[in-house]
Amino acid sequence: MHQLMTLDEKLAISNKAFELLDSGDREGYDRLTKTIPLPPYMAKVIKEKVGLNILLNGGWNLSEVEAEFGHSWLNK
């Protein structure tokens, strides 16, 4: 089981990502922000409105989604 990321860890990544964006590195920003766990409520909306394939292939960190809903939720 993955250890959940703390708020301080999420904020540190977010700050670094915004530094990349400010320097003009949009790809770096996008890549780094996807390492922050996607909130389960957002995953639920994406799955319902856009589809499971986008959720699974989007490159997001789904650790909090799995912790909240279980791994099998990602396969339904």
N, C-alpha and C. Protein backbone atom coordinates (compact mmCIF):
# COMPACT_ATOMS: atom_id res chain seq x y z
N MET A 1 0.84 -1.18 0.00
CA MET A 1 0.00 0.00 0.00
C MET A 1 0.89 1.25 0.00
N HIS A 2 0.49 2.23 -0.75
CA HIS A 2 1.24 3.48 -0.83
C HIS A 2 0.95 4.35 0.38
N GLN A 3 1.98 5.04 0.83
CA GLN A 3 1.79 6.02 1.90
C GLN A 3 1.18 7.27 1.27
N LEU A 4 0.15 7.80 1.91
CA LEU A 4 -0.50 8.99 1.37
C LEU A 4 0.40 10.21 1.55
N MET A 5 0.33 11.10 0.59
CA MET A 5 1.15 12.31 0.58
C MET A 5 0.56 13.32 1.57
N THR A 6 1.44 13.96 2.33
CA THR A 6 0.98 14.97 3.28
C THR A 6 0.65 16.27 2.54
N LEU A 7 -0.08 17.13 3.21
CA LEU A 7 -0.41 18.44 2.64
C LEU A 7 0.86 19.23 2.37
N ASP A 8 1.82 19.17 3.29
CA ASP A 8 3.08 19.88 3.09
C ASP A 8 3.82 19.38 1.85
N GLU A 9 3.80 18.07 1.63
CA GLU A 9 4.43 17.52 0.42
C GLU A 9 3.72 17.99 -0.85
N LYS A 10 2.40 18.01 -0.80
CA LYS A 10 1.63 18.49 -1.95
C LYS A 10 1.92 19.96 -2.24
N LEU A 11 1.99 20.76 -1.19
CA LEU A 11 2.28 22.18 -1.37
C LEU A 11 3.68 22.41 -1.91
N ALA A 12 4.65 21.64 -1.46
CA ALA A 12 6.02 21.77 -1.95
C ALA A 12 6.09 21.45 -3.44
N ILE A 13 5.41 20.40 -3.86
CA ILE A 13 5.38 20.05 -5.28
C ILE A 13 4.68 21.14 -6.07
N SER A 14 3.57 21.63 -5.55
CA SER A 14 2.82 22.69 -6.22
C SER A 14 3.67 23.94 -6.40
N ASN A 15 4.39 24.32 -5.36
CA ASN A 15 5.26 25.50 -5.45
C ASN A 15 6.34 25.31 -6.51
N LYS A 16 6.96 24.13 -6.55
CA LYS A 16 7.98 23.85 -7.55
C LYS A 16 7.37 23.87 -8.95
N ALA A 17 6.15 23.33 -9.08
CA ALA A 17 5.48 23.32 -10.38
C ALA A 17 5.22 24.74 -10.86
N PHE A 18 4.79 25.62 -9.96
CA PHE A 18 4.55 27.01 -10.37
C PHE A 18 5.83 27.73 -10.73
N GLU A 19 6.94 27.36 -10.09
CA GLU A 19 8.24 27.91 -10.50
C GLU A 19 8.55 27.50 -11.93
N LEU A 20 8.27 26.25 -12.27
CA LEU A 20 8.49 25.78 -13.65
C LEU A 20 7.60 26.55 -14.63
N LEU A 21 6.34 26.72 -14.26
CA LEU A 21 5.42 27.45 -15.13
C LEU A 21 5.87 28.89 -15.32
N ASP A 22 6.29 29.53 -14.24
CA ASP A 22 6.77 30.91 -14.32
C ASP A 22 8.01 31.03 -15.20
N SER A 23 8.81 29.97 -15.27
CA SER A 23 10.01 29.99 -16.11
C SER A 23 9.71 29.60 -17.55
N GLY A 24 8.44 29.31 -17.85
CA GLY A 24 8.04 28.98 -19.21
C GLY A 24 8.02 27.49 -19.52
N ASP A 25 8.23 26.64 -18.52
CA ASP A 25 8.26 25.19 -18.73
C ASP A 25 6.89 24.59 -18.45
N ARG A 26 5.99 24.71 -19.41
CA ARG A 26 4.62 24.19 -19.25
C ARG A 26 4.60 22.67 -19.14
N GLU A 27 5.45 22.00 -19.93
CA GLU A 27 5.50 20.55 -19.87
C GLU A 27 5.97 20.07 -18.51
N GLY A 28 7.00 20.72 -17.96
CA GLY A 28 7.47 20.37 -16.63
C GLY A 28 6.40 20.60 -15.58
N TYR A 29 5.69 21.71 -15.72
CA TYR A 29 4.58 22.02 -14.81
C TYR A 29 3.52 20.92 -14.86
N ASP A 30 3.10 20.56 -16.07
CA ASP A 30 2.08 19.52 -16.22
C ASP A 30 2.54 18.19 -15.65
N ARG A 31 3.77 17.83 -15.94
CA ARG A 31 4.32 16.56 -15.47
C ARG A 31 4.39 16.54 -13.93
N LEU A 32 4.86 17.61 -13.34
CA LEU A 32 5.02 17.66 -11.89
C LEU A 32 3.68 17.71 -11.16
N THR A 33 2.73 18.47 -11.68
CA THR A 33 1.44 18.56 -10.99
C THR A 33 0.70 17.22 -10.99
N LYS A 34 0.96 16.38 -11.98
CA LYS A 34 0.31 15.07 -12.01
C LYS A 34 0.89 14.11 -10.99
N THR A 35 1.98 14.48 -10.34
CA THR A 35 2.51 13.63 -9.27
C THR A 35 1.77 13.86 -7.96
N ILE A 36 1.04 14.96 -7.86
CA ILE A 36 0.19 15.21 -6.70
C ILE A 36 -1.04 14.33 -6.85
N PRO A 37 -1.40 13.57 -5.82
CA PRO A 37 -2.55 12.67 -5.95
C PRO A 37 -3.82 13.39 -6.39
N LEU A 38 -4.49 12.80 -7.35
CA LEU A 38 -5.77 13.33 -7.81
C LEU A 38 -6.80 13.11 -6.71
N PRO A 39 -7.53 14.15 -6.30
CA PRO A 39 -8.55 13.96 -5.27
C PRO A 39 -9.62 12.97 -5.74
N PRO A 40 -10.06 12.08 -4.88
CA PRO A 40 -11.06 11.09 -5.27
C PRO A 40 -12.32 11.69 -5.89
N TYR A 41 -12.80 12.82 -5.38
CA TYR A 41 -14.01 13.41 -5.96
C TYR A 41 -13.78 13.83 -7.41
N MET A 42 -12.56 14.30 -7.73
CA MET A 42 -12.26 14.68 -9.11
C MET A 42 -12.20 13.45 -10.00
N ALA A 43 -11.62 12.37 -9.47
CA ALA A 43 -11.55 11.12 -10.24
C ALA A 43 -12.96 10.61 -10.55
N LYS A 44 -13.84 10.73 -9.58
CA LYS A 44 -15.22 10.28 -9.79
C LYS A 44 -15.89 11.08 -10.91
N VAL A 45 -15.70 12.38 -10.91
CA VAL A 45 -16.28 13.23 -11.95
C VAL A 45 -15.68 12.88 -13.31
N ILE A 46 -14.36 12.74 -13.37
CA ILE A 46 -13.70 12.40 -14.64
C ILE A 46 -14.22 11.07 -15.16
N LYS A 47 -14.31 10.08 -14.28
CA LYS A 47 -14.79 8.76 -14.69
C LYS A 47 -16.21 8.83 -15.23
N GLU A 48 -17.09 9.57 -14.54
CA GLU A 48 -18.49 9.66 -14.94
C GLU A 48 -18.70 10.52 -16.18
N LYS A 49 -17.98 11.62 -16.29
CA LYS A 49 -18.24 12.58 -17.37
C LYS A 49 -17.38 12.37 -18.61
N VAL A 50 -16.15 11.91 -18.43
CA VAL A 50 -15.22 11.80 -19.56
C VAL A 50 -14.89 10.35 -19.89
N GLY A 51 -14.83 9.52 -18.87
CA GLY A 51 -14.60 8.10 -19.10
C GLY A 51 -13.40 7.56 -18.36
N LEU A 52 -13.45 6.27 -18.09
CA LEU A 52 -12.41 5.59 -17.35
C LEU A 52 -11.07 5.61 -18.07
N ASN A 53 -11.07 5.48 -19.39
CA ASN A 53 -9.81 5.45 -20.14
C ASN A 53 -9.01 6.74 -19.95
N ILE A 54 -9.67 7.87 -19.97
CA ILE A 54 -8.98 9.15 -19.75
C ILE A 54 -8.38 9.17 -18.35
N LEU A 55 -9.12 8.68 -17.39
CA LEU A 55 -8.64 8.64 -16.01
C LEU A 55 -7.40 7.75 -15.89
N LEU A 56 -7.47 6.57 -16.48
CA LEU A 56 -6.36 5.62 -16.37
C LEU A 56 -5.15 6.01 -17.20
N ASN A 57 -5.37 6.66 -18.32
CA ASN A 57 -4.27 7.00 -19.22
C ASN A 57 -3.80 8.45 -19.09
N GLY A 58 -4.35 9.18 -18.14
CA GLY A 58 -4.02 10.60 -17.99
C GLY A 58 -2.70 10.89 -17.31
N GLY A 59 -2.09 9.88 -16.72
CA GLY A 59 -0.81 10.08 -16.06
C GLY A 59 -0.91 10.62 -14.64
N TRP A 60 -2.12 10.66 -14.09
CA TRP A 60 -2.30 11.18 -12.73
C TRP A 60 -1.87 10.17 -11.68
N ASN A 61 -1.52 10.69 -10.52
CA ASN A 61 -1.25 9.87 -9.35
C ASN A 61 -2.61 9.50 -8.77
N LEU A 62 -2.94 8.23 -8.78
CA LEU A 62 -4.26 7.77 -8.35
C LEU A 62 -4.21 7.10 -6.97
N SER A 63 -3.17 7.35 -6.20
CA SER A 63 -3.01 6.68 -4.91
C SER A 63 -4.16 6.99 -3.94
N GLU A 64 -4.61 8.24 -3.90
CA GLU A 64 -5.72 8.58 -2.99
C GLU A 64 -7.04 8.03 -3.49
N VAL A 65 -7.18 7.91 -4.80
CA VAL A 65 -8.39 7.31 -5.38
C VAL A 65 -8.47 5.84 -4.97
N GLU A 66 -7.35 5.13 -5.11
CA GLU A 66 -7.31 3.72 -4.72
C GLU A 66 -7.55 3.56 -3.21
N ALA A 67 -6.98 4.44 -2.40
CA ALA A 67 -7.17 4.36 -0.96
C ALA A 67 -8.64 4.59 -0.58
N GLU A 68 -9.30 5.50 -1.30
CA GLU A 68 -10.70 5.84 -0.99
C GLU A 68 -11.69 4.82 -1.55
N PHE A 69 -11.52 4.45 -2.81
CA PHE A 69 -12.51 3.61 -3.49
C PHE A 69 -12.07 2.17 -3.69
N GLY A 70 -10.78 1.88 -3.51
CA GLY A 70 -10.26 0.53 -3.78
C GLY A 70 -9.79 0.42 -5.23
N HIS A 71 -8.85 -0.48 -5.44
CA HIS A 71 -8.27 -0.66 -6.78
C HIS A 71 -9.31 -1.13 -7.80
N SER A 72 -10.27 -1.94 -7.34
CA SER A 72 -11.26 -2.48 -8.27
C SER A 72 -12.14 -1.39 -8.88
N TRP A 73 -12.28 -0.25 -8.19
CA TRP A 73 -13.09 0.86 -8.71
C TRP A 73 -12.51 1.37 -10.02
N LEU A 74 -11.20 1.29 -10.18
CA LEU A 74 -10.53 1.75 -11.39
C LEU A 74 -10.72 0.79 -12.55
N ASN A 75 -11.25 -0.38 -12.29
CA ASN A 75 -11.43 -1.38 -13.34
C ASN A 75 -12.89 -1.60 -13.71
N LYS A 76 -13.78 -0.82 -13.12
CA LYS A 76 -15.22 -0.98 -13.39
C LYS A 76 -15.68 -0.02 -14.44
